[in-house]
């Protein structure tokens, strides 16, 4: 489709050996049916006497969060790593993450795996899962290389 990028052209990778550089990156793709990025913005909304009762907004904080949903695929390196963290707390949920856009732009940085849920669902259905990747701090963004 000219002008529209398909979500399956995005590349999501998680470091399955935390604390190592560059680490061992595994694709988050198998069994994943949906991803919802969110800036999780914190807003300051204020009304001033000179605004005639109308307010103004400033974005004063943010955290990039990606919410993934899909089906549990046992034996998939990324999913097995993520679900191995379900009962863990604190630093053991931290690693690194990369998100490469279809055009080549890349977000990368430290992250926390949060809200791991599933598998669940009906007896005759695939196990439904969900989890979130929360970038810790502002990720590094590398713009795509433009070729003339």
Foldseek 3Di string as FASTA:
>chain_A
DPPDDDPLLKWKWWALDAPDVVHDIFTPDPFWDDKDKDFQWDKDWDDDPVNVPHIDIDGDDTWIKMKIKGFDDPPRSVSVSLVVCVPPDDPSQKHKMWMADNLGKIWIAIWGKDDWDWQDDDPPDGGMIMIMIIHDPGTDIDDHDDDD
